[in-house]
């Protein structure tokens, strides 16, 4: 048989007859009892299911050369890459920065203008890692591979967060009951509670060493993508008053 109480704005159920040895959860009585502050975490190791590849096209327009022509050539290269990505199911292409940068050289110890650098950048994102690696290899004949990163998709992140939140709450309740029991007390109330968000899910870009890439990735060959592992966690903290 269960009796329900309102605890910190949330209805909590009393522990059933099968767990009579554990302290009961009651509303927090802030005027009596002893307070303890606790925290409990739940962790899970997952394999990132999404990857992002950053590629760029650039051309140097030396002093006296046509910057507009260099811009057109860089734009054509990037547009062709976007079209190829759009024709590959499951891959999303995003342009992230077109730049025209003044270039300089030293003459007699002084900097003098020496043309322009025209550069554009795209990021390819996909949950299909093999297809993304294949496409990156094809594009490497005209684009530079700047960086790679693996990350956890929003769908996987939400599923893991729900699971870890439930486990962390259960762990907090068990820890609170154990602390009260160890003090020889029979019940406790939840006075404050804080359910944290998912931690450890941020992607870390890995720049590609140009010399290493040139030695290991022949133009047109697939780029190997190894997602590795990531440890995610959710922490529940709060205070209880024991009686």
Protein backbone atom coordinates (compact mmCIF):
# COMPACT_ATOMS: atom_id res chain seq x y z
CA UNK A 1 0.00 0.00 0.00
CA UNK A 2 1.33 3.45 -0.90
CA UNK A 3 0.69 6.90 0.55
CA UNK A 4 1.70 9.98 -1.48
CA UNK A 5 3.25 13.19 -0.18
CA UNK A 6 4.18 16.45 -1.87
CA UNK A 7 7.99 16.78 -1.56
CA UNK A 8 9.79 19.88 -2.88
CA UNK A 9 6.97 20.47 -5.36
CA UNK A 10 7.12 16.87 -6.65
CA UNK A 11 4.95 13.92 -5.59
CA UNK A 12 7.16 11.18 -4.12
CA UNK A 13 5.87 7.72 -3.28
CA UNK A 14 6.51 6.04 0.06
CA UNK A 15 8.67 2.94 0.08
CA UNK A 16 6.43 -0.17 -0.03
CA UNK A 17 6.06 -2.93 2.49
CA UNK A 18 8.80 -4.94 0.76
CA UNK A 19 11.34 -2.35 1.95
CA UNK A 20 10.17 -1.65 5.50
CA UNK A 21 13.75 -1.83 6.74
CA UNK A 22 14.64 1.32 4.81
CA UNK A 23 13.83 4.79 6.20
CA UNK A 24 10.56 6.29 4.97
CA UNK A 25 10.44 9.44 2.85
CA UNK A 26 8.38 12.17 4.48
CA UNK A 27 7.84 15.86 3.73
CA UNK A 28 10.82 17.95 4.79
CA UNK A 29 10.30 19.38 8.27
CA UNK A 30 12.65 22.35 8.37
CA UNK A 31 12.14 22.92 12.11
CA UNK A 32 13.29 19.57 13.47
CA UNK A 33 15.79 16.87 12.60
CA UNK A 34 19.36 16.73 11.36
CA UNK A 35 20.39 17.89 7.88
CA UNK A 36 22.76 16.13 5.49
CA UNK A 37 23.90 17.25 2.04
CA UNK A 38 24.39 14.49 -0.53
CA UNK A 39 25.24 13.93 -4.18
CA UNK A 40 24.98 10.86 -6.40
CA UNK A 41 26.02 10.33 -10.01
CA UNK A 42 25.31 7.85 -12.76
CA UNK A 43 27.77 7.27 -15.62
CA UNK A 44 27.72 5.47 -18.93
CA UNK A 45 30.36 5.00 -21.62
CA UNK A 46 28.98 5.41 -25.14
CA UNK A 47 30.37 5.43 -28.66
CA UNK A 48 29.86 8.79 -30.44
CA UNK A 49 27.55 8.22 -33.40
CA UNK A 50 28.20 11.36 -35.44
CA UNK A 51 31.27 12.89 -37.08
CA UNK A 52 32.12 16.28 -38.56
CA UNK A 53 34.86 16.96 -41.09
CA UNK A 54 36.14 20.48 -41.79
CA UNK A 55 37.50 21.10 -45.29
CA UNK A 56 38.75 24.25 -46.97
CA UNK A 57 39.61 25.64 -50.40
CA UNK A 58 42.11 28.47 -50.74
CA UNK A 59 44.06 30.34 -53.39
CA UNK A 60 46.69 33.02 -53.22
CA UNK A 61 46.26 35.99 -55.52
CA UNK A 62 49.72 37.52 -55.67
CA UNK A 63 50.22 41.25 -55.98
CA UNK A 64 48.84 42.42 -59.28
CA UNK A 65 46.72 39.32 -59.89
CA UNK A 66 42.93 39.30 -60.14
CA UNK A 67 41.40 38.66 -56.69
CA UNK A 68 37.93 38.31 -58.21
CA UNK A 69 39.12 35.46 -60.41
CA UNK A 70 40.62 33.66 -57.39
CA UNK A 71 37.36 34.16 -55.54
CA UNK A 72 35.37 32.63 -58.38
CA UNK A 73 37.65 29.58 -58.53
CA UNK A 74 37.44 28.99 -54.78
CA UNK A 75 33.66 29.42 -54.87
CA UNK A 76 33.32 26.92 -57.74
CA UNK A 77 35.37 24.36 -55.82
CA UNK A 78 33.23 24.73 -52.71
CA UNK A 79 29.96 24.68 -54.66
CA UNK A 80 31.00 21.46 -56.37
CA UNK A 81 31.77 19.91 -52.98
CA UNK A 82 28.39 21.00 -51.59
CA UNK A 83 26.60 19.50 -54.60
CA UNK A 84 28.45 16.21 -54.16
CA UNK A 85 27.56 16.14 -50.45
CA UNK A 86 23.91 16.91 -51.23
CA UNK A 87 23.84 13.91 -53.57
CA UNK A 88 25.12 11.62 -50.79
CA UNK A 89 22.28 10.47 -48.47
CA UNK A 90 22.73 11.23 -44.80
CA UNK A 91 25.43 13.90 -45.18
CA UNK A 92 24.83 17.57 -44.37
CA UNK A 93 27.14 20.30 -45.69
CA UNK A 94 27.46 23.74 -44.12
CA UNK A 95 29.60 26.68 -45.19
CA UNK A 96 31.28 28.20 -42.14
CA UNK A 97 33.41 31.09 -43.36
CA UNK A 98 34.50 32.85 -46.55
CA UNK A 99 37.51 35.13 -46.15
CA UNK A 100 39.63 37.44 -48.25
CA UNK A 101 42.78 38.16 -46.25
CA UNK A 102 45.50 40.68 -47.08
CA UNK A 103 48.91 39.05 -47.46
CA UNK A 104 52.24 40.69 -46.69
CA UNK A 105 55.93 40.00 -47.23
CA UNK A 106 59.05 41.51 -45.71
CA UNK A 107 61.21 43.85 -47.78
CA UNK A 108 64.26 45.34 -46.06
CA UNK A 109 62.74 44.51 -42.69
CA UNK A 110 59.40 46.16 -43.47
CA UNK A 111 56.05 44.58 -44.30
CA UNK A 112 54.69 45.37 -47.74
CA UNK A 113 51.44 44.15 -49.33
CA UNK A 114 51.85 40.98 -51.36
CA UNK A 115 48.41 40.12 -52.67
CA UNK A 116 45.52 38.32 -51.03
CA UNK A 117 44.49 34.92 -49.69
CA UNK A 118 41.00 33.81 -50.70
CA UNK A 119 39.63 31.04 -48.51
CA UNK A 120 36.32 29.26 -47.95
CA UNK A 121 35.46 26.50 -45.52
CA UNK A 122 32.76 23.82 -45.26
CA UNK A 123 31.83 21.30 -42.60
CA UNK A 124 30.38 17.90 -43.48
CA UNK A 125 28.33 16.17 -40.78
CA UNK A 126 26.88 12.68 -40.79
CA UNK A 127 25.95 9.68 -38.66
CA UNK A 128 27.10 7.41 -41.51
CA UNK A 129 30.82 7.40 -40.75
CA UNK A 130 31.92 5.15 -43.60
CA UNK A 131 30.07 7.19 -46.21
CA UNK A 132 31.45 10.41 -44.71
CA UNK A 133 34.99 9.03 -44.86
CA UNK A 134 34.51 7.97 -48.48
CA UNK A 135 33.17 11.38 -49.51
CA UNK A 136 35.98 13.17 -47.66
CA UNK A 137 38.51 11.10 -49.58
CA UNK A 138 36.92 12.08 -52.89
CA UNK A 139 36.86 15.75 -51.93
CA UNK A 140 40.47 15.71 -50.74
CA UNK A 141 41.58 15.96 -54.37
CA UNK A 142 40.34 19.57 -54.46
CA UNK A 143 39.92 20.53 -50.78
CA UNK A 144 42.20 20.51 -47.75
CA UNK A 145 41.12 18.38 -44.75
CA UNK A 146 41.49 20.80 -41.83
CA UNK A 147 40.05 18.91 -38.84
CA UNK A 148 37.89 16.01 -37.77
CA UNK A 149 35.68 15.52 -34.73
CA UNK A 150 33.28 12.92 -33.45
CA UNK A 151 30.31 13.74 -31.28
CA UNK A 152 27.12 12.37 -29.82
CA UNK A 153 23.96 13.07 -31.78
CA UNK A 154 21.05 14.82 -30.08
CA UNK A 155 18.92 11.67 -30.34
CA UNK A 156 21.50 9.51 -28.54
CA UNK A 157 22.25 12.28 -26.03
CA UNK A 158 18.58 12.62 -25.06
CA UNK A 159 18.15 8.86 -24.66
CA UNK A 160 21.25 8.51 -22.49
CA UNK A 161 20.32 11.58 -20.42
CA UNK A 162 16.88 10.15 -19.59
CA UNK A 163 18.40 6.83 -18.56
CA UNK A 164 21.18 8.37 -16.45
CA UNK A 165 18.79 10.80 -14.75
CA UNK A 166 16.60 7.92 -13.54
CA UNK A 167 19.65 6.02 -12.31
CA UNK A 168 21.11 9.07 -10.54
CA UNK A 169 17.79 9.78 -8.78
CA UNK A 170 17.54 6.16 -7.65
CA UNK A 171 21.14 6.30 -6.44
CA UNK A 172 20.47 9.53 -4.52
CA UNK A 173 17.42 8.04 -2.81
CA UNK A 174 19.32 4.89 -1.89
CA UNK A 175 22.22 6.96 -0.55
CA UNK A 176 19.89 9.17 1.50
CA UNK A 177 18.15 6.11 2.95
CA UNK A 178 21.52 4.55 3.78
CA UNK A 179 22.80 7.68 5.55
CA UNK A 180 19.63 7.94 7.64
CA UNK A 181 19.77 4.25 8.49
CA UNK A 182 23.45 4.45 9.47
CA UNK A 183 22.56 7.19 11.94
CA UNK A 184 19.87 4.94 13.43
CA UNK A 185 17.04 7.14 12.16
CA UNK A 186 13.82 5.95 10.56
CA UNK A 187 12.75 8.58 8.06
CA UNK A 188 14.01 11.54 6.04
CA UNK A 189 12.58 14.40 4.05
CA UNK A 190 13.88 15.87 0.79
CA UNK A 191 14.53 19.55 1.54
CA UNK A 192 16.34 20.58 -1.65
CA UNK A 193 17.07 18.70 -4.84
CA UNK A 194 19.02 19.60 -7.97
CA UNK A 195 19.04 17.39 -11.05
CA UNK A 196 22.02 18.27 -13.21
CA UNK A 197 22.23 18.05 -16.97
CA UNK A 198 24.25 15.65 -19.06
CA UNK A 199 28.01 16.17 -18.78
CA UNK A 200 30.85 14.97 -20.95
CA UNK A 201 29.09 15.22 -24.34
CA UNK A 202 31.07 18.02 -25.96
CA UNK A 203 32.92 17.29 -29.19
CA UNK A 204 36.63 18.05 -29.31
CA UNK A 205 37.88 18.90 -32.83
CA UNK A 206 41.12 17.23 -33.80
CA UNK A 207 43.19 19.27 -36.29
CA UNK A 208 44.76 17.20 -39.04
CA UNK A 209 48.55 17.38 -39.29
CA UNK A 210 49.15 18.36 -42.94
CA UNK A 211 52.38 16.33 -43.23
CA UNK A 212 50.81 13.27 -41.61
CA UNK A 213 47.71 13.59 -43.79
CA UNK A 214 49.80 13.81 -46.93
CA UNK A 215 51.72 10.70 -45.91
CA UNK A 216 48.73 8.57 -44.91
CA UNK A 217 45.83 9.80 -47.06
CA UNK A 218 46.37 9.49 -50.78
CA UNK A 219 44.15 11.81 -52.84
CA UNK A 220 40.79 10.16 -53.40
CA UNK A 221 41.25 7.47 -50.74
CA UNK A 222 38.67 7.21 -47.91
CA UNK A 223 39.44 9.03 -44.66
CA UNK A 224 39.32 6.56 -41.74
CA UNK A 225 37.06 7.77 -38.91
CA UNK A 226 37.32 6.09 -35.49
CA UNK A 227 34.67 7.43 -33.07
CA UNK A 228 36.35 6.24 -29.87
CA UNK A 229 34.39 6.43 -26.62
CA UNK A 230 32.89 9.11 -24.38
CA UNK A 231 31.86 8.88 -20.73
CA UNK A 232 28.61 10.70 -19.94
CA UNK A 233 27.25 11.44 -16.49
CA UNK A 234 24.34 13.02 -14.63
CA UNK A 235 24.62 14.19 -11.02
CA UNK A 236 21.75 14.62 -8.56
CA UNK A 237 22.48 16.62 -5.40
CA UNK A 238 20.43 18.01 -2.55
CA UNK A 239 19.82 18.05 1.17
CA UNK A 240 17.74 15.84 3.43
CA UNK A 241 16.48 16.22 6.99
CA UNK A 242 16.56 13.01 9.01
CA UNK A 243 14.32 12.06 11.93
